[in-house]
Amino acid sequence: MARTTMELAFISAERVKFDNVDLIKLYFGDEPDGEKDLGVSLLSMQVSEEVREEVWSACKGFDVLESVRVTAEIERGSKNAGKFIVLHVESAKPAQAGKPAPQQSAQQQPKPTGTQPDAAKA
């Protein structure tokens, strides 16, 4: 089996639960090929059983069309077509370092320096 990582636009995550079945399918958008699709080219991928809860939780924080990084195994499907099985998904947005310290206001009063005259002697 081959493994690949790609960046795609997150569209949706769908969970199907009934009897002893628990499946998660992710939907992504890719650039259209200009021949078969003129808008967004849709891709669907199933999630591996071992990481189902982790991937489902990660998808809850994504916005529609947010760029995400997907790691998947490629299994041989019917007619030798590749079948993508998601192993990991994360936001492709750059991580934000801590927020910068707030700037001090230009209107702030300067702190007194040196000694101040005693108000009782004045």
Protein backbone atom coordinates (compact mmCIF):
# COMPACT_ATOMS: atom_id res chain seq x y z
CA MET A 1 0.00 0.00 0.00
CA ALA A 2 1.12 3.53 -0.74
CA ARG A 3 0.71 6.50 1.59
CA THR A 4 0.26 10.12 0.55
CA THR A 5 -0.33 13.55 2.09
CA MET A 6 -2.23 16.22 0.19
CA GLU A 7 -3.85 19.60 0.80
CA LEU A 8 -7.52 19.88 -0.10
CA ALA A 9 -10.50 22.10 0.72
CA PHE A 10 -12.68 20.60 3.49
CA ILE A 11 -16.32 20.27 2.43
CA SER A 12 -17.99 17.98 4.96
CA ALA A 13 -17.69 15.00 7.29
CA GLU A 14 -20.49 12.44 7.47
CA ARG A 15 -20.96 9.77 10.12
CA VAL A 16 -23.25 6.79 9.60
CA LYS A 17 -24.11 4.67 12.64
CA PHE A 18 -26.53 1.76 12.72
CA ASP A 19 -26.45 -1.73 14.26
CA ASN A 20 -22.74 -2.65 14.34
CA VAL A 21 -21.76 -0.23 11.59
CA ASP A 22 -19.88 3.00 12.33
CA LEU A 23 -18.46 4.71 9.25
CA ILE A 24 -17.06 8.18 8.68
CA LYS A 25 -16.72 9.60 5.20
CA LEU A 26 -14.94 12.89 4.47
CA TYR A 27 -15.67 15.08 1.47
CA PHE A 28 -13.06 17.39 -0.03
CA GLY A 29 -12.87 19.78 -2.93
CA ASP A 30 -10.06 19.91 -5.42
CA GLU A 31 -9.37 22.08 -8.43
CA PRO A 32 -11.59 21.19 -11.40
CA ASP A 33 -10.06 19.49 -14.40
CA GLY A 34 -11.95 21.79 -16.80
CA GLU A 35 -13.40 18.83 -18.72
CA LYS A 36 -15.50 16.74 -16.33
CA ASP A 37 -15.91 19.34 -13.60
CA LEU A 38 -16.12 23.07 -14.02
CA GLY A 39 -16.64 23.99 -10.36
CA VAL A 40 -15.01 22.21 -7.47
CA SER A 41 -14.07 18.60 -8.08
CA LEU A 42 -15.49 16.56 -5.18
CA LEU A 43 -13.58 13.71 -3.56
CA SER A 44 -14.85 11.36 -0.87
CA MET A 45 -12.68 9.24 1.39
CA GLN A 46 -13.44 6.78 4.16
CA VAL A 47 -11.69 7.02 7.53
CA SER A 48 -9.65 4.14 8.94
CA GLU A 49 -11.29 2.36 11.90
CA GLU A 50 -8.23 2.91 14.10
CA VAL A 51 -8.41 6.73 13.90
CA ARG A 52 -12.13 7.27 13.48
CA GLU A 53 -12.73 9.27 16.71
CA GLU A 54 -9.56 11.36 16.29
CA VAL A 55 -10.46 12.35 12.72
CA TRP A 56 -14.12 13.03 13.61
CA SER A 57 -13.03 15.35 16.44
CA ALA A 58 -10.55 17.17 14.20
CA CYS A 59 -13.21 17.80 11.54
CA LYS A 60 -15.50 19.51 14.07
CA GLY A 61 -13.12 22.50 14.11
CA PHE A 62 -12.89 23.01 10.32
CA ASP A 63 -14.74 25.64 8.34
CA VAL A 64 -16.27 24.81 4.97
CA LEU A 65 -13.62 25.22 2.24
CA GLU A 66 -10.82 25.49 4.84
CA SER A 67 -7.57 24.12 3.49
CA VAL A 68 -6.68 20.88 5.30
CA ARG A 69 -3.77 18.46 5.12
CA VAL A 70 -4.93 14.86 4.64
CA THR A 71 -2.75 11.77 5.11
CA ALA A 72 -4.20 8.67 3.49
CA GLU A 73 -3.29 5.13 2.54
CA ILE A 74 -4.12 4.09 -0.99
CA GLU A 75 -5.58 0.61 -1.19
CA ARG A 76 -6.39 -1.23 -4.36
CA GLY A 77 -10.11 -0.97 -5.01
CA SER A 78 -12.31 -2.49 -7.66
CA LYS A 79 -10.95 -2.52 -11.21
CA ASN A 80 -7.52 -1.63 -9.78
CA ALA A 81 -8.70 1.86 -8.92
CA GLY A 82 -7.09 3.50 -5.89
CA LYS A 83 -9.18 3.73 -2.73
CA PHE A 84 -8.12 6.46 -0.28
CA ILE A 85 -8.40 5.59 3.44
CA VAL A 86 -7.86 8.63 5.71
CA LEU A 87 -5.33 8.17 8.52
CA HIS A 88 -4.95 11.79 9.69
CA VAL A 89 -6.40 15.21 8.96
CA GLU A 90 -5.26 18.63 10.21
CA SER A 91 -5.67 22.27 9.31
CA ALA A 92 -3.20 23.53 6.72
CA LYS A 93 -3.34 27.04 8.21
CA PRO A 94 0.00 28.13 9.66
CA ALA A 95 0.05 27.77 13.45
CA GLN A 96 -0.33 31.10 15.18
CA ALA A 97 2.31 31.86 17.76
CA GLY A 98 1.02 33.52 20.92
CA LYS A 99 -0.68 36.86 20.45
CA PRO A 100 1.69 39.84 20.52
CA ALA A 101 1.82 41.81 23.74
CA PRO A 102 -0.60 44.73 23.73
CA GLN A 103 0.98 48.07 22.84
CA GLN A 104 1.07 50.68 25.59
CA SER A 105 -1.21 53.61 24.97
CA ALA A 106 0.42 56.84 23.83
CA GLN A 107 -1.90 58.65 26.27
CA GLN A 108 -0.43 56.84 29.29
CA GLN A 109 0.83 59.18 32.05
CA PRO A 110 4.59 59.11 32.56
CA LYS A 111 5.78 57.75 35.89
CA PRO A 112 7.36 60.37 38.19
CA THR A 113 11.11 60.32 38.39
CA GLY A 114 13.39 61.66 41.10
CA THR A 115 12.03 63.18 44.29
CA GLN A 116 8.83 65.16 44.44
CA PRO A 117 8.41 68.22 46.63
CA ASP A 118 6.60 67.62 49.90
CA ALA A 119 3.10 69.08 49.58
CA ALA A 120 3.13 70.16 53.30
CA LYS A 121 6.18 72.42 52.74
CA ALA A 122 4.84 74.09 49.63
